[in-house]
Amino acid sequence: MNWNGLLIGIGTFLLIGCFHVVVIKSEFHFGKKVWPVFVVVGCLILAGSVFLTHPIANALTAVLSISCLWSVKELFEQEERVAKGWFPSNPKRASGEEEK
């Protein structure tokens, strides 16, 4: 039997679930100003994934990189969710200083 598809599916589910938490925590502690970090890390991991020959490692590395890149969009949306009161804001950051 070939378990690659199942393992890739489970890994994808876990990575995407972890990135939900990463985006929430990143926005809480740093605001959306960390988006360049997600872009650089995502691009580096994506570039590295093309050199992997193992199908599971290659697929999961690509999913990891795309999750980093997608997190940029989610950071901006998370800021809106915080502004709506759906998530807590960080009291240590002044609301005016967050993203200038």
C-alpha atoms as a PDB file:
ATOM      1  CA  MET A   1       0.000   0.000   0.000  1.00  0.00           C
ATOM      2  CA  ASN A   2       1.012   3.577  -0.621  1.00  0.00           C
ATOM      3  CA  TRP A   3       0.605   5.796   2.436  1.00  0.00           C
ATOM      4  CA  ASN A   4       2.170   8.933   0.944  1.00  0.00           C
ATOM      5  CA  GLY A   5      -1.122  10.671   0.210  1.00  0.00           C
ATOM      6  CA  LEU A   6      -2.490  10.015   3.674  1.00  0.00           C
ATOM      7  CA  LEU A   7       0.711  11.221   5.349  1.00  0.00           C
ATOM      8  CA  ILE A   8       0.811  14.362   3.206  1.00  0.00           C
ATOM      9  CA  GLY A   9      -2.842  15.062   3.997  1.00  0.00           C
ATOM     10  CA  ILE A  10      -2.340  14.664   7.742  1.00  0.00           C
ATOM     11  CA  GLY A  11       0.838  16.755   7.628  1.00  0.00           C
ATOM     12  CA  THR A  12      -0.923  19.485   5.663  1.00  0.00           C
ATOM     13  CA  PHE A  13      -3.791  19.555   8.145  1.00  0.00           C
ATOM     14  CA  LEU A  14      -1.375  19.847  11.081  1.00  0.00           C
ATOM     15  CA  LEU A  15       0.753  22.555   9.438  1.00  0.00           C
ATOM     16  CA  ILE A  16      -2.242  24.700   8.555  1.00  0.00           C
ATOM     17  CA  GLY A  17      -3.618  24.261  12.069  1.00  0.00           C
ATOM     18  CA  CYS A  18      -0.298  25.306  13.595  1.00  0.00           C
ATOM     19  CA  PHE A  19      -0.155  28.393  11.405  1.00  0.00           C
ATOM     20  CA  HIS A  20      -3.513  29.569  12.718  1.00  0.00           C
ATOM     21  CA  VAL A  21      -1.897  29.770  16.143  1.00  0.00           C
ATOM     22  CA  VAL A  22       1.318  31.294  14.755  1.00  0.00           C
ATOM     23  CA  VAL A  23      -0.627  34.097  13.060  1.00  0.00           C
ATOM     24  CA  ILE A  24      -2.665  34.864  16.183  1.00  0.00           C
ATOM     25  CA  LYS A  25       0.393  34.915  18.442  1.00  0.00           C
ATOM     26  CA  SER A  26       2.494  36.896  15.949  1.00  0.00           C
ATOM     27  CA  GLU A  27      -0.153  39.570  15.549  1.00  0.00           C
ATOM     28  CA  PHE A  28      -0.677  39.755  19.310  1.00  0.00           C
ATOM     29  CA  HIS A  29       3.016  40.204  20.142  1.00  0.00           C
ATOM     30  CA  PHE A  30       4.336  42.079  17.096  1.00  0.00           C
ATOM     31  CA  GLY A  31       1.384  43.314  15.059  1.00  0.00           C
ATOM     32  CA  LYS A  32       1.357  43.022  11.301  1.00  0.00           C
ATOM     33  CA  LYS A  33       4.821  44.545  11.004  1.00  0.00           C
ATOM     34  CA  VAL A  34       6.363  41.047  10.959  1.00  0.00           C
ATOM     35  CA  TRP A  35       4.898  40.231   7.558  1.00  0.00           C
ATOM     36  CA  PRO A  36       8.301  40.535   5.784  1.00  0.00           C
ATOM     37  CA  VAL A  37       9.637  37.731   7.980  1.00  0.00           C
ATOM     38  CA  PHE A  38       6.862  35.438   6.755  1.00  0.00           C
ATOM     39  CA  VAL A  39       7.611  36.376   3.124  1.00  0.00           C
ATOM     40  CA  VAL A  40      11.358  35.773   3.406  1.00  0.00           C
ATOM     41  CA  VAL A  41      11.004  32.511   5.334  1.00  0.00           C
ATOM     42  CA  GLY A  42       8.273  31.287   2.967  1.00  0.00           C
ATOM     43  CA  CYS A  43      10.358  32.044  -0.130  1.00  0.00           C
ATOM     44  CA  LEU A  44      13.474  30.421   1.314  1.00  0.00           C
ATOM     45  CA  ILE A  45      11.612  27.271   2.290  1.00  0.00           C
ATOM     46  CA  LEU A  46       9.892  27.133  -1.105  1.00  0.00           C
ATOM     47  CA  ALA A  47      13.240  27.461  -2.865  1.00  0.00           C
ATOM     48  CA  GLY A  48      14.635  24.695  -0.685  1.00  0.00           C
ATOM     49  CA  SER A  49      11.689  22.411  -1.346  1.00  0.00           C
ATOM     50  CA  VAL A  50      12.547  22.079  -5.027  1.00  0.00           C
ATOM     51  CA  PHE A  51      15.781  20.313  -4.101  1.00  0.00           C
ATOM     52  CA  LEU A  52      14.142  17.601  -2.002  1.00  0.00           C
ATOM     53  CA  THR A  53      13.626  14.283  -3.738  1.00  0.00           C
ATOM     54  CA  HIS A  54      11.557  12.464  -1.139  1.00  0.00           C
ATOM     55  CA  PRO A  55       7.903  13.000  -2.119  1.00  0.00           C
ATOM     56  CA  ILE A  56       6.549  13.433   1.415  1.00  0.00           C
ATOM     57  CA  ALA A  57       9.334  15.794   2.496  1.00  0.00           C
ATOM     58  CA  ASN A  58       8.999  17.747  -0.744  1.00  0.00           C
ATOM     59  CA  ALA A  59       5.227  18.136  -0.446  1.00  0.00           C
ATOM     60  CA  LEU A  60       5.217  19.044   3.235  1.00  0.00           C
ATOM     61  CA  THR A  61       8.030  21.543   2.780  1.00  0.00           C
ATOM     62  CA  ALA A  62       6.069  23.191  -0.025  1.00  0.00           C
ATOM     63  CA  VAL A  63       2.953  23.281   2.171  1.00  0.00           C
ATOM     64  CA  LEU A  64       5.028  24.845   4.956  1.00  0.00           C
ATOM     65  CA  SER A  65       6.326  27.544   2.629  1.00  0.00           C
ATOM     66  CA  ILE A  66       2.902  28.358   1.201  1.00  0.00           C
ATOM     67  CA  SER A  67       1.519  28.487   4.753  1.00  0.00           C
ATOM     68  CA  CYS A  68       4.164  31.094   5.595  1.00  0.00           C
ATOM     69  CA  LEU A  69       3.225  33.129   2.529  1.00  0.00           C
ATOM     70  CA  TRP A  70      -0.508  32.814   3.212  1.00  0.00           C
ATOM     71  CA  SER A  71       0.128  33.992   6.769  1.00  0.00           C
ATOM     72  CA  VAL A  72       0.959  37.445   5.412  1.00  0.00           C
ATOM     73  CA  LYS A  73      -2.655  37.839   4.294  1.00  0.00           C
ATOM     74  CA  GLU A  74      -3.901  36.369   7.555  1.00  0.00           C
ATOM     75  CA  LEU A  75      -1.815  38.806   9.634  1.00  0.00           C
ATOM     76  CA  PHE A  76      -3.616  41.741   8.049  1.00  0.00           C
ATOM     77  CA  GLU A  77      -6.981  40.044   8.503  1.00  0.00           C
ATOM     78  CA  GLN A  78      -6.118  39.167  12.103  1.00  0.00           C
ATOM     79  CA  GLU A  79      -5.553  42.842  12.810  1.00  0.00           C
ATOM     80  CA  GLU A  80      -9.093  43.502  11.554  1.00  0.00           C
ATOM     81  CA  ARG A  81     -10.461  40.679  13.715  1.00  0.00           C
ATOM     82  CA  VAL A  82      -8.751  42.216  16.761  1.00  0.00           C
ATOM     83  CA  ALA A  83     -10.204  45.622  15.895  1.00  0.00           C
ATOM     84  CA  LYS A  84     -13.679  44.051  15.775  1.00  0.00           C
ATOM     85  CA  GLY A  85     -13.121  42.579  19.225  1.00  0.00           C
ATOM     86  CA  TRP A  86     -13.099  38.957  18.086  1.00  0.00           C
ATOM     87  CA  PHE A  87      -9.590  38.443  19.491  1.00  0.00           C
ATOM     88  CA  PRO A  88      -7.809  40.183  22.368  1.00  0.00           C
ATOM     89  CA  SER A  89      -5.459  43.054  21.659  1.00  0.00           C
ATOM     90  CA  ASN A  90      -2.085  43.350  23.295  1.00  0.00           C
ATOM     91  CA  PRO A  91      -2.378  45.943  26.061  1.00  0.00           C
ATOM     92  CA  LYS A  92       1.396  46.529  25.995  1.00  0.00           C
ATOM     93  CA  ARG A  93       1.156  47.993  22.488  1.00  0.00           C
ATOM     94  CA  ALA A  94      -0.456  51.394  22.189  1.00  0.00           C
ATOM     95  CA  SER A  95      -3.198  51.280  19.561  1.00  0.00           C
ATOM     96  CA  GLY A  96      -1.694  54.215  17.640  1.00  0.00           C
ATOM     97  CA  GLU A  97       1.831  52.833  17.544  1.00  0.00           C
ATOM     98  CA  GLU A  98       0.921  49.381  16.219  1.00  0.00           C
ATOM     99  CA  GLU A  99       1.429  49.774  12.514  1.00  0.00           C
ATOM    100  CA  LYS A 100       2.909  53.055  11.393  1.00  0.00           C
END
